[in-house]
Amino acid sequence: MYEIKIKASFSSAHNLKNYHGKCERLHGHNWVVEAVFAYGELDKNGLAIDFRKAKALLKRVTDRLDHGYLNDIPFFKRSNPTSEIIARFIYDSLKKKNKNVKQISVWENESSCAVYSGD
């Protein structure tokens, strides 16, 4: 199995619903997203997926989140914009474009990360 991992980042604001603490107030993060793609075979050029193509796919998703208020995005009106749910949102969005997405990690700061793998 071959795995390709790429990173992207975006900045956005949110507030957690039904949460009692500082995070219920409006605040923002400089999020870092890691996406892992898994392939059993390489193409004729010895590539699982071109890094440029993988980065472009991820960028299309993170651009929808960048410099916005996550709570205003229709998906997050139905779901709390936690790091866990953001990871699932990115995973599901990428999976529609590439079935080889294996895992999404969403870092809200350098020491806190949520991971979603769809399993």
N, C-alpha and C. Protein backbone atom coordinates (compact mmCIF):
# COMPACT_ATOMS: atom_id res chain seq x y z
N MET A 1 0.84 -1.18 0.00
CA MET A 1 0.00 0.00 0.00
C MET A 1 0.89 1.24 0.00
N TYR A 2 0.57 2.16 -0.89
CA TYR A 2 1.29 3.43 -0.96
C TYR A 2 0.41 4.52 -0.37
N GLU A 3 1.00 5.36 0.44
CA GLU A 3 0.27 6.48 1.02
C GLU A 3 0.96 7.78 0.65
N ILE A 4 0.16 8.73 0.27
CA ILE A 4 0.62 10.08 -0.04
C ILE A 4 -0.02 11.01 0.96
N LYS A 5 0.77 11.87 1.60
CA LYS A 5 0.24 12.81 2.57
C LYS A 5 0.57 14.23 2.12
N ILE A 6 -0.43 15.08 2.15
CA ILE A 6 -0.25 16.48 1.79
C ILE A 6 -0.84 17.35 2.90
N LYS A 7 -0.46 18.61 2.89
CA LYS A 7 -0.96 19.57 3.88
C LYS A 7 -1.52 20.79 3.18
N ALA A 8 -2.48 21.41 3.84
CA ALA A 8 -3.03 22.69 3.42
C ALA A 8 -3.39 23.44 4.70
N SER A 9 -3.66 24.71 4.55
CA SER A 9 -4.08 25.48 5.72
C SER A 9 -5.17 26.46 5.33
N PHE A 10 -5.91 26.88 6.31
CA PHE A 10 -6.93 27.90 6.12
C PHE A 10 -7.17 28.58 7.46
N SER A 11 -7.70 29.77 7.40
CA SER A 11 -8.04 30.52 8.60
C SER A 11 -9.54 30.75 8.61
N SER A 12 -10.16 30.54 9.76
CA SER A 12 -11.59 30.79 9.85
C SER A 12 -11.99 30.98 11.30
N ALA A 13 -13.19 31.50 11.46
CA ALA A 13 -13.77 31.69 12.78
C ALA A 13 -14.92 30.72 12.98
N HIS A 14 -15.21 30.44 14.23
CA HIS A 14 -16.37 29.61 14.57
C HIS A 14 -16.68 29.81 16.03
N ASN A 15 -17.79 29.27 16.44
CA ASN A 15 -18.08 29.11 17.86
C ASN A 15 -18.83 27.80 18.02
N LEU A 16 -18.56 27.12 19.12
CA LEU A 16 -19.17 25.82 19.36
C LEU A 16 -20.54 26.01 20.00
N LYS A 17 -21.50 25.25 19.51
CA LYS A 17 -22.86 25.28 20.03
C LYS A 17 -22.98 24.28 21.18
N ASN A 18 -23.81 24.61 22.15
CA ASN A 18 -24.06 23.72 23.29
C ASN A 18 -22.78 23.35 24.03
N TYR A 19 -21.88 24.28 24.11
CA TYR A 19 -20.60 24.08 24.78
C TYR A 19 -20.50 25.14 25.86
N HIS A 20 -20.05 24.75 27.04
CA HIS A 20 -19.93 25.71 28.13
C HIS A 20 -18.45 25.93 28.42
N GLY A 21 -17.96 27.04 27.93
CA GLY A 21 -16.55 27.38 28.07
C GLY A 21 -16.18 28.43 27.05
N LYS A 22 -14.90 28.74 26.98
CA LYS A 22 -14.43 29.81 26.10
C LYS A 22 -14.79 29.58 24.63
N CYS A 23 -14.82 28.33 24.21
CA CYS A 23 -15.04 28.05 22.79
C CYS A 23 -16.48 28.28 22.32
N GLU A 24 -17.38 28.57 23.26
CA GLU A 24 -18.74 28.91 22.83
C GLU A 24 -18.79 30.34 22.29
N ARG A 25 -17.76 31.13 22.60
CA ARG A 25 -17.68 32.49 22.07
C ARG A 25 -16.99 32.47 20.70
N LEU A 26 -17.29 33.44 19.90
CA LEU A 26 -16.67 33.58 18.59
C LEU A 26 -15.15 33.65 18.75
N HIS A 27 -14.44 32.81 18.00
CA HIS A 27 -12.98 32.81 17.99
C HIS A 27 -12.50 32.19 16.68
N GLY A 28 -11.21 32.28 16.42
CA GLY A 28 -10.70 31.77 15.16
C GLY A 28 -9.47 30.91 15.35
N HIS A 29 -9.13 30.22 14.28
CA HIS A 29 -7.95 29.35 14.24
C HIS A 29 -7.27 29.50 12.89
N ASN A 30 -5.99 29.23 12.89
CA ASN A 30 -5.25 28.99 11.66
C ASN A 30 -5.10 27.48 11.56
N TRP A 31 -6.03 26.86 10.88
CA TRP A 31 -6.13 25.41 10.79
C TRP A 31 -5.08 24.85 9.85
N VAL A 32 -4.56 23.68 10.16
CA VAL A 32 -3.70 22.92 9.26
C VAL A 32 -4.38 21.59 9.01
N VAL A 33 -4.48 21.23 7.74
CA VAL A 33 -5.15 19.99 7.35
C VAL A 33 -4.14 19.08 6.68
N GLU A 34 -4.11 17.83 7.12
CA GLU A 34 -3.31 16.79 6.48
C GLU A 34 -4.28 15.80 5.84
N ALA A 35 -4.04 15.49 4.58
CA ALA A 35 -4.86 14.51 3.87
C ALA A 35 -3.96 13.35 3.45
N VAL A 36 -4.43 12.14 3.70
CA VAL A 36 -3.71 10.94 3.30
C VAL A 36 -4.53 10.23 2.23
N PHE A 37 -3.86 9.91 1.12
CA PHE A 37 -4.46 9.13 0.04
C PHE A 37 -3.74 7.78 0.01
N ALA A 38 -4.48 6.70 -0.16
CA ALA A 38 -3.89 5.35 -0.16
C ALA A 38 -4.17 4.67 -1.50
N TYR A 39 -3.12 4.05 -2.05
CA TYR A 39 -3.21 3.37 -3.34
C TYR A 39 -2.52 2.02 -3.26
N GLY A 40 -3.13 1.01 -3.83
CA GLY A 40 -2.53 -0.31 -3.89
C GLY A 40 -1.56 -0.46 -5.04
N GLU A 41 -1.71 0.39 -6.05
CA GLU A 41 -0.89 0.30 -7.26
C GLU A 41 -0.39 1.69 -7.65
N LEU A 42 0.70 1.70 -8.36
CA LEU A 42 1.22 2.94 -8.93
C LEU A 42 0.84 3.02 -10.40
N ASP A 43 0.79 4.24 -10.93
CA ASP A 43 0.52 4.37 -12.36
C ASP A 43 1.77 4.04 -13.17
N LYS A 44 1.69 4.16 -14.48
CA LYS A 44 2.81 3.78 -15.35
C LYS A 44 4.04 4.63 -15.13
N ASN A 45 3.87 5.79 -14.50
CA ASN A 45 5.00 6.67 -14.21
C ASN A 45 5.56 6.46 -12.80
N GLY A 46 5.01 5.49 -12.08
CA GLY A 46 5.49 5.21 -10.74
C GLY A 46 4.91 6.12 -9.67
N LEU A 47 3.76 6.73 -9.96
CA LEU A 47 3.10 7.64 -9.02
C LEU A 47 1.79 7.04 -8.51
N ALA A 48 1.52 7.26 -7.25
CA ALA A 48 0.20 6.93 -6.70
C ALA A 48 -0.78 8.02 -7.15
N ILE A 49 -0.46 9.26 -6.83
CA ILE A 49 -1.17 10.44 -7.30
C ILE A 49 -0.16 11.57 -7.34
N ASP A 50 -0.25 12.41 -8.32
CA ASP A 50 0.65 13.55 -8.41
C ASP A 50 0.36 14.48 -7.23
N PHE A 51 1.41 14.90 -6.52
CA PHE A 51 1.23 15.80 -5.38
C PHE A 51 0.45 17.05 -5.77
N ARG A 52 0.73 17.59 -6.97
CA ARG A 52 0.01 18.79 -7.41
C ARG A 52 -1.49 18.55 -7.51
N LYS A 53 -1.86 17.39 -8.04
CA LYS A 53 -3.28 17.06 -8.18
C LYS A 53 -3.93 16.90 -6.80
N ALA A 54 -3.26 16.20 -5.90
CA ALA A 54 -3.80 16.00 -4.55
C ALA A 54 -3.94 17.34 -3.83
N LYS A 55 -2.93 18.21 -3.95
CA LYS A 55 -2.99 19.52 -3.30
C LYS A 55 -4.11 20.37 -3.87
N ALA A 56 -4.32 20.30 -5.18
CA ALA A 56 -5.40 21.06 -5.81
C ALA A 56 -6.77 20.60 -5.31
N LEU A 57 -6.94 19.29 -5.16
CA LEU A 57 -8.21 18.76 -4.64
C LEU A 57 -8.47 19.27 -3.23
N LEU A 58 -7.45 19.20 -2.38
CA LEU A 58 -7.62 19.66 -1.00
C LEU A 58 -7.84 21.16 -0.95
N LYS A 59 -7.14 21.91 -1.78
CA LYS A 59 -7.28 23.36 -1.78
C LYS A 59 -8.70 23.79 -2.15
N ARG A 60 -9.33 23.07 -3.08
CA ARG A 60 -10.71 23.40 -3.45
C ARG A 60 -11.64 23.31 -2.24
N VAL A 61 -11.39 22.36 -1.38
CA VAL A 61 -12.22 22.21 -0.18
C VAL A 61 -11.87 23.27 0.86
N THR A 62 -10.59 23.45 1.14
CA THR A 62 -10.21 24.40 2.18
C THR A 62 -10.51 25.85 1.76
N ASP A 63 -10.50 26.12 0.46
CA ASP A 63 -10.86 27.47 0.01
C ASP A 63 -12.30 27.82 0.38
N ARG A 64 -13.16 26.83 0.46
CA ARG A 64 -14.56 27.06 0.85
C ARG A 64 -14.67 27.45 2.33
N LEU A 65 -13.64 27.11 3.11
CA LEU A 65 -13.65 27.37 4.55
C LEU A 65 -12.82 28.60 4.92
N ASP A 66 -11.91 28.99 4.04
CA ASP A 66 -10.93 30.02 4.35
C ASP A 66 -11.55 31.40 4.53
N HIS A 67 -11.12 32.08 5.58
CA HIS A 67 -11.53 33.45 5.90
C HIS A 67 -13.05 33.61 5.95
N GLY A 68 -13.69 32.64 6.55
CA GLY A 68 -15.13 32.70 6.72
C GLY A 68 -15.51 32.35 8.15
N TYR A 69 -16.80 32.44 8.39
CA TYR A 69 -17.39 32.05 9.67
C TYR A 69 -18.02 30.68 9.45
N LEU A 70 -17.41 29.64 9.97
CA LEU A 70 -17.84 28.27 9.69
C LEU A 70 -19.31 28.03 10.02
N ASN A 71 -19.80 28.66 11.07
CA ASN A 71 -21.19 28.45 11.47
C ASN A 71 -22.19 28.89 10.40
N ASP A 72 -21.77 29.73 9.45
CA ASP A 72 -22.65 30.19 8.38
C ASP A 72 -22.72 29.22 7.20
N ILE A 73 -21.80 28.27 7.13
CA ILE A 73 -21.81 27.29 6.04
C ILE A 73 -22.96 26.31 6.30
N PRO A 74 -23.80 26.05 5.28
CA PRO A 74 -24.99 25.20 5.50
C PRO A 74 -24.71 23.89 6.24
N PHE A 75 -23.63 23.19 5.91
CA PHE A 75 -23.31 21.93 6.59
C PHE A 75 -23.17 22.13 8.10
N PHE A 76 -22.52 23.23 8.50
CA PHE A 76 -22.25 23.47 9.92
C PHE A 76 -23.43 24.13 10.63
N LYS A 77 -24.45 24.51 9.89
CA LYS A 77 -25.69 24.95 10.55
C LYS A 77 -26.40 23.74 11.14
N ARG A 78 -26.15 22.57 10.53
CA ARG A 78 -26.74 21.32 11.01
C ARG A 78 -25.81 20.57 11.96
N SER A 79 -24.52 20.85 11.89
CA SER A 79 -23.52 20.14 12.70
C SER A 79 -22.64 21.16 13.41
N ASN A 80 -22.24 20.84 14.61
CA ASN A 80 -21.35 21.71 15.38
C ASN A 80 -19.98 21.78 14.69
N PRO A 81 -19.42 22.97 14.47
CA PRO A 81 -18.14 23.07 13.75
C PRO A 81 -16.93 22.75 14.63
N THR A 82 -16.92 21.55 15.19
CA THR A 82 -15.78 21.07 15.98
C THR A 82 -14.68 20.61 15.03
N SER A 83 -13.49 20.44 15.53
CA SER A 83 -12.39 19.92 14.71
C SER A 83 -12.75 18.55 14.14
N GLU A 84 -13.43 17.73 14.93
CA GLU A 84 -13.82 16.39 14.48
C GLU A 84 -14.78 16.47 13.29
N ILE A 85 -15.77 17.35 13.38
CA ILE A 85 -16.76 17.48 12.31
C ILE A 85 -16.15 18.15 11.08
N ILE A 86 -15.24 19.10 11.30
CA ILE A 86 -14.54 19.72 10.17
C ILE A 86 -13.73 18.65 9.43
N ALA A 87 -13.06 17.76 10.15
CA ALA A 87 -12.31 16.68 9.52
C ALA A 87 -13.23 15.79 8.69
N ARG A 88 -14.40 15.47 9.22
CA ARG A 88 -15.36 14.64 8.47
C ARG A 88 -15.87 15.38 7.23
N PHE A 89 -16.15 16.68 7.36
CA PHE A 89 -16.60 17.49 6.23
C PHE A 89 -15.56 17.47 5.11
N ILE A 90 -14.30 17.67 5.46
CA ILE A 90 -13.23 17.68 4.46
C ILE A 90 -13.08 16.29 3.83
N TYR A 91 -13.11 15.25 4.65
CA TYR A 91 -13.01 13.88 4.16
C TYR A 91 -14.13 13.59 3.16
N ASP A 92 -15.37 13.87 3.55
CA ASP A 92 -16.51 13.59 2.67
C ASP A 92 -16.43 14.39 1.38
N SER A 93 -16.01 15.64 1.48
CA SER A 93 -15.88 16.48 0.28
C SER A 93 -14.82 15.95 -0.66
N LEU A 94 -13.67 15.54 -0.11
CA LEU A 94 -12.60 14.98 -0.94
C LEU A 94 -12.98 13.63 -1.53
N LYS A 95 -13.67 12.82 -0.75
CA LYS A 95 -14.04 11.47 -1.18
C LYS A 95 -14.90 11.51 -2.44
N LYS A 96 -15.69 12.57 -2.59
CA LYS A 96 -16.51 12.72 -3.80
C LYS A 96 -15.64 12.91 -5.04
N LYS A 97 -14.44 13.43 -4.86
CA LYS A 97 -13.53 13.70 -5.97
C LYS A 97 -12.45 12.64 -6.15
N ASN A 98 -12.14 11.91 -5.06
CA ASN A 98 -11.08 10.89 -5.12
C ASN A 98 -11.38 9.82 -4.09
N LYS A 99 -11.72 8.63 -4.56
CA LYS A 99 -12.11 7.54 -3.66
C LYS A 99 -10.96 7.01 -2.81
N ASN A 100 -9.73 7.43 -3.10
CA ASN A 100 -8.56 6.94 -2.39
C ASN A 100 -8.21 7.75 -1.14
N VAL A 101 -9.06 8.70 -0.79
CA VAL A 101 -8.82 9.45 0.45
C VAL A 101 -8.93 8.45 1.60
N LYS A 102 -7.93 8.44 2.45
CA LYS A 102 -7.90 7.48 3.57
C LYS A 102 -8.15 8.16 4.90
N GLN A 103 -7.59 9.36 5.07
CA GLN A 103 -7.65 9.97 6.40
C GLN A 103 -7.45 11.49 6.29
N ILE A 104 -8.15 12.20 7.15
CA ILE A 104 -7.99 13.65 7.27
C ILE A 104 -7.66 13.98 8.71
N SER A 105 -6.62 14.79 8.90
CA SER A 105 -6.28 15.32 10.22
C SER A 105 -6.47 16.83 10.18
N VAL A 106 -7.12 17.36 11.19
CA VAL A 106 -7.36 18.80 11.28
C VAL A 106 -6.74 19.29 12.57
N TRP A 107 -5.73 20.15 12.42
CA TRP A 107 -5.03 20.74 13.56
C TRP A 107 -5.59 22.13 13.81
N GLU A 108 -6.11 22.38 15.02
CA GLU A 108 -6.59 23.73 15.32
C GLU A 108 -5.49 24.57 15.97
N ASN A 109 -4.47 23.91 16.46
CA ASN A 109 -3.26 24.57 16.93
C ASN A 109 -2.15 23.53 16.89
N GLU A 110 -0.94 23.89 17.30
CA GLU A 110 0.18 22.95 17.13
C GLU A 110 0.12 21.73 18.04
N SER A 111 -0.78 21.72 19.01
CA SER A 111 -0.82 20.58 19.92
C SER A 111 -2.17 19.86 19.98
N SER A 112 -3.14 20.28 19.14
CA SER A 112 -4.48 19.68 19.19
C SER A 112 -4.97 19.35 17.79
N CYS A 113 -5.30 18.08 17.60
CA CYS A 113 -5.65 17.57 16.27
C CYS A 113 -6.82 16.58 16.38
N ALA A 114 -7.71 16.61 15.39
CA ALA A 114 -8.76 15.61 15.26
C ALA A 114 -8.53 14.86 13.96
N VAL A 115 -8.77 13.56 13.96
CA VAL A 115 -8.54 12.71 12.79
C VAL A 115 -9.82 11.99 12.43
N TYR A 116 -10.14 11.96 11.13
CA TYR A 116 -11.29 11.21 10.64
C TYR A 116 -10.84 10.33 9.48
N SER A 117 -11.24 9.07 9.53
CA SER A 117 -10.83 8.14 8.47
C SER A 117 -12.00 7.49 7.75
N GLY A 118 -13.20 7.78 8.15
CA GLY A 118 -14.35 7.22 7.43
C GLY A 118 -14.61 5.76 7.65
N ASP A 119 -13.83 5.10 8.48
CA ASP A 119 -14.02 3.67 8.72
C ASP A 119 -15.15 3.41 9.69
